[in-house]
Amino acid sequence: MKTLLFKLKDLKKGRFKKRHNRFAGELIYQGKVDSVHIHDPGRLQELLLEDAEVLFTESRGKLTYYLKAIKKEGEWILLDSALHSKIAEQVLKVMPEFSHVSEIRREVPLGKSRIDFVLDETPLEVKGVSLVKDGLALFPDAPTKRGRRHVKEIIDHDGVLMFLILRKAEKFAPNAETDPKFAQELSRARRTGISIIPVQIEFDGEGIYYGGKIKLAEF
């Protein structure tokens, strides 16, 4: 059963044109080509395709628009990593595993990193996953030294790792082909008993929903 977390407002619909670099691209809206901010450092090669339908808002920055989601094979996929913390915070409120938590602190320094949350005394780091192949969600889609460092900090401080699965998937695994060092670190986290929680997140073009946990694949 899906649980509504929150809705996005003031969305516009257009077509994606091209990506210039990690954070900038172009889209077509009402017949006009304009600039769009892409707040996701991943490669997104299988998603950011020319003429794909996109949802976006007005931008407060230098570019005209701000990309929120893209449609592939009939599924809306969130592409705004700035939403991950807000989504995770709402997920924490509906998951029974976290019903005992009395205090949630955000963006807390931990070792050489800044971790998304500390739940009472337990650190929790959140990652968004938009790459899915044959029902298997994979992270990352580009090498990430920062991600490896975060996993190490979570291991060192006996924390929790939450992966927001932003496309429909059956299982989750680290992407050993793209970043073998991250995969090794996540495997070490699993062996040492760190809680790794992949949760299904769905977006219908307006509402963002929690769809429950999915399984971990073998790794």
Protein backbone atom coordinates (compact mmCIF):
# COMPACT_ATOMS: atom_id res chain seq x y z
CA MET A 1 0.00 0.00 0.00
CA LYS A 2 1.41 3.38 -0.99
CA THR A 3 1.63 6.27 1.45
CA LEU A 4 1.55 9.85 0.20
CA LEU A 5 4.54 11.78 1.54
CA PHE A 6 3.94 15.18 -0.08
CA LYS A 7 3.10 16.83 -3.39
CA LEU A 8 5.11 19.04 -5.72
CA LYS A 9 3.55 22.33 -6.74
CA ASP A 10 3.72 24.70 -9.72
CA LEU A 11 4.98 22.06 -12.13
CA LYS A 12 5.23 22.76 -15.85
CA LYS A 13 5.46 20.14 -18.59
CA GLY A 14 7.79 20.20 -21.58
CA ARG A 15 10.33 18.15 -23.55
CA PHE A 16 13.99 17.60 -22.78
CA LYS A 17 16.45 18.76 -25.45
CA LYS A 18 20.04 18.19 -24.27
CA ARG A 19 22.45 18.29 -21.36
CA HIS A 20 25.41 20.68 -21.50
CA ASN A 21 27.18 19.60 -18.30
CA ARG A 22 26.43 18.05 -14.90
CA PHE A 23 24.06 20.80 -13.83
CA ALA A 24 22.81 22.55 -16.99
CA GLY A 25 20.79 21.61 -20.02
CA GLU A 26 18.02 22.73 -22.35
CA LEU A 27 14.33 21.93 -22.64
CA ILE A 28 11.49 22.94 -24.92
CA TYR A 29 8.46 24.61 -23.35
CA GLN A 30 5.60 26.11 -25.36
CA GLY A 31 7.69 25.88 -28.52
CA LYS A 32 10.66 27.75 -27.06
CA VAL A 33 14.11 26.36 -26.19
CA ASP A 34 15.26 27.48 -22.75
CA SER A 35 17.86 26.65 -20.09
CA VAL A 36 17.22 24.22 -17.25
CA HIS A 37 19.11 23.43 -14.04
CA ILE A 38 19.73 19.70 -13.43
CA HIS A 39 20.22 19.09 -9.72
CA ASP A 40 21.60 15.56 -9.96
CA PRO A 41 25.32 14.79 -10.33
CA GLY A 42 24.73 11.33 -11.80
CA ARG A 43 25.35 10.43 -15.42
CA LEU A 44 21.64 9.75 -16.09
CA GLN A 45 22.55 8.63 -19.62
CA GLU A 46 19.59 6.29 -19.93
CA LEU A 47 17.14 8.97 -18.74
CA LEU A 48 18.15 12.36 -20.14
CA LEU A 49 17.11 11.56 -23.69
CA GLU A 50 16.12 14.09 -26.31
CA ASP A 51 12.36 14.67 -26.57
CA ALA A 52 11.63 12.88 -23.28
CA GLU A 53 8.72 14.40 -21.36
CA VAL A 54 9.85 16.42 -18.34
CA LEU A 55 8.36 18.23 -15.38
CA PHE A 56 10.01 21.39 -14.08
CA THR A 57 9.48 24.60 -12.15
CA GLU A 58 10.65 28.17 -12.46
CA SER A 59 14.26 28.50 -11.29
CA ARG A 60 15.52 30.94 -8.68
CA GLY A 61 19.04 30.72 -10.09
CA LYS A 62 20.73 31.85 -13.30
CA LEU A 63 18.97 29.29 -15.50
CA THR A 64 15.33 29.70 -16.49
CA TYR A 65 13.91 26.41 -15.22
CA TYR A 66 14.63 23.71 -12.63
CA LEU A 67 14.22 20.06 -13.63
CA LYS A 68 12.10 17.92 -11.30
CA ALA A 69 11.31 14.71 -13.16
CA ILE A 70 11.52 12.90 -16.48
CA LYS A 71 9.28 10.22 -17.96
CA LYS A 72 10.57 6.92 -19.28
CA GLU A 73 8.42 3.96 -20.33
CA GLY A 74 5.38 5.57 -18.75
CA GLU A 75 7.06 6.12 -15.37
CA TRP A 76 7.84 9.50 -13.84
CA ILE A 77 11.32 9.52 -12.29
CA LEU A 78 12.39 12.24 -9.87
CA LEU A 79 15.69 13.87 -10.85
CA ASP A 80 16.06 16.52 -8.15
CA SER A 81 18.55 15.30 -5.55
CA ALA A 82 17.71 18.34 -3.40
CA LEU A 83 14.44 16.52 -2.61
CA HIS A 84 16.12 13.43 -1.18
CA SER A 85 16.46 14.75 2.36
CA LYS A 86 12.83 15.91 2.46
CA ILE A 87 11.61 12.58 1.08
CA ALA A 88 13.70 10.61 3.58
CA GLU A 89 12.48 12.69 6.49
CA GLN A 90 8.87 11.87 5.59
CA VAL A 91 9.74 8.18 5.08
CA LEU A 92 11.22 8.08 8.59
CA LYS A 93 7.85 9.21 9.96
CA VAL A 94 5.91 6.35 8.37
CA MET A 95 8.32 3.42 8.84
CA PRO A 96 7.68 1.40 12.02
CA GLU A 97 11.43 0.81 12.43
CA PHE A 98 11.88 4.48 13.32
CA SER A 99 8.78 5.05 15.48
CA HIS A 100 10.96 5.11 18.61
CA VAL A 101 13.07 8.05 17.40
CA SER A 102 12.52 11.14 19.54
CA GLU A 103 14.96 13.57 17.89
CA ILE A 104 15.97 14.04 14.26
CA ARG A 105 18.92 16.31 13.48
CA ARG A 106 19.80 17.24 9.91
CA GLU A 107 23.13 17.85 8.15
CA VAL A 108 25.33 16.80 11.05
CA PRO A 109 29.16 16.80 10.83
CA LEU A 110 30.52 13.27 11.24
CA GLY A 111 34.21 12.46 10.87
CA LYS A 112 35.33 14.01 7.59
CA SER A 113 31.78 14.24 6.22
CA ARG A 114 28.41 15.82 6.78
CA ILE A 115 25.72 13.16 7.23
CA ASP A 116 22.07 13.71 6.27
CA PHE A 117 20.51 12.83 9.64
CA VAL A 118 21.23 11.78 13.19
CA LEU A 119 18.29 9.90 14.72
CA ASP A 120 18.75 10.31 18.47
CA GLU A 121 22.40 9.13 18.46
CA THR A 122 22.35 7.06 15.25
CA PRO A 123 23.65 8.61 11.99
CA LEU A 124 21.70 7.94 8.80
CA GLU A 125 22.90 8.72 5.28
CA VAL A 126 20.51 8.90 2.30
CA LYS A 127 21.24 8.18 -1.37
CA GLY A 128 18.90 8.44 -4.35
CA VAL A 129 18.86 5.67 -6.95
CA SER A 130 17.60 6.31 -10.49
CA LEU A 131 19.39 3.49 -12.35
CA VAL A 132 17.40 0.25 -12.72
CA LYS A 133 18.27 -2.68 -14.98
CA ASP A 134 15.96 -5.69 -15.28
CA GLY A 135 14.30 -4.93 -11.96
CA LEU A 136 17.60 -4.40 -10.14
CA ALA A 137 18.22 -0.94 -8.71
CA LEU A 138 21.92 0.02 -8.85
CA PHE A 139 23.92 2.74 -7.12
CA PRO A 140 25.91 4.69 -8.13
CA ASP A 141 25.57 5.43 -11.85
CA ALA A 142 28.91 7.29 -11.77
CA PRO A 143 32.01 6.79 -9.56
CA THR A 144 31.58 8.57 -6.22
CA LYS A 145 34.44 9.17 -3.79
CA ARG A 146 32.03 11.13 -1.62
CA GLY A 147 29.66 8.17 -1.49
CA ARG A 148 32.44 5.81 -0.46
CA ARG A 149 33.49 8.22 2.29
CA HIS A 150 29.92 8.41 3.57
CA VAL A 151 29.62 4.63 3.76
CA LYS A 152 32.90 4.44 5.66
CA GLU A 153 31.67 7.03 8.17
CA ILE A 154 28.43 5.09 8.66
CA ILE A 155 30.40 1.90 9.30
CA ASP A 156 32.75 3.65 11.73
CA HIS A 157 29.83 5.15 13.67
CA ASP A 158 27.42 2.17 13.51
CA GLY A 159 24.82 4.05 11.49
CA VAL A 160 22.15 3.34 8.89
CA LEU A 161 22.14 3.65 5.08
CA MET A 162 18.90 4.43 3.28
CA PHE A 163 18.59 4.19 -0.50
CA LEU A 164 15.61 5.92 -2.12
CA ILE A 165 14.72 3.78 -5.14
CA LEU A 166 13.21 6.31 -7.54
CA ARG A 167 12.10 3.81 -10.18
CA LYS A 168 10.14 0.60 -9.82
CA ALA A 169 12.50 -2.19 -8.83
CA GLU A 170 12.47 -5.58 -7.12
CA LYS A 171 15.93 -5.60 -5.52
CA PHE A 172 18.87 -3.30 -4.81
CA ALA A 173 22.62 -3.82 -5.18
CA PRO A 174 25.74 -1.66 -5.44
CA ASN A 175 26.89 -0.96 -9.00
CA ALA A 176 30.18 -2.88 -8.94
CA GLU A 177 30.77 -2.34 -12.64
CA THR A 178 30.65 1.45 -12.37
CA ASP A 179 32.29 1.88 -8.95
CA PRO A 180 33.90 -1.32 -7.61
CA LYS A 181 35.36 0.52 -4.61
CA PHE A 182 31.91 1.72 -3.54
CA ALA A 183 30.58 -1.82 -3.99
CA GLN A 184 33.37 -3.19 -1.80
CA GLU A 185 32.63 -0.62 0.90
CA LEU A 186 28.90 -1.33 0.85
CA SER A 187 29.59 -5.07 1.02
CA ARG A 188 31.79 -4.41 4.05
CA ALA A 189 28.95 -2.43 5.62
CA ARG A 190 26.59 -5.36 5.12
CA ARG A 191 29.08 -7.86 6.55
CA THR A 192 29.61 -5.73 9.65
CA GLY A 193 25.87 -5.58 10.35
CA ILE A 194 25.11 -2.05 9.17
CA SER A 195 21.42 -1.63 8.37
CA ILE A 196 20.97 -1.03 4.62
CA ILE A 197 17.40 0.00 3.80
CA PRO A 198 16.26 0.33 0.16
CA VAL A 199 12.82 1.95 -0.02
CA GLN A 200 10.57 2.25 -3.06
CA ILE A 201 9.63 5.82 -3.93
CA GLU A 202 6.99 6.54 -6.57
CA PHE A 203 6.03 9.81 -8.24
CA ASP A 204 2.79 10.15 -10.21
CA GLY A 205 3.53 13.58 -11.65
CA GLU A 206 2.28 15.38 -8.57
CA GLY A 207 2.45 13.25 -5.42
CA ILE A 208 5.51 11.50 -4.02
CA TYR A 209 4.71 8.17 -2.37
CA TYR A 210 6.43 5.66 -0.10
CA GLY A 211 5.87 2.17 -1.52
CA GLY A 212 7.58 0.06 1.15
CA LYS A 213 10.96 -1.61 1.36
CA ILE A 214 12.49 -3.71 -1.39
CA LYS A 215 14.93 -6.58 -0.99
CA LEU A 216 18.70 -6.53 -1.08
CA ALA A 217 20.26 -8.60 -3.83
CA GLU A 218 23.29 -10.79 -3.12
CA PHE A 219 26.52 -8.80 -2.92
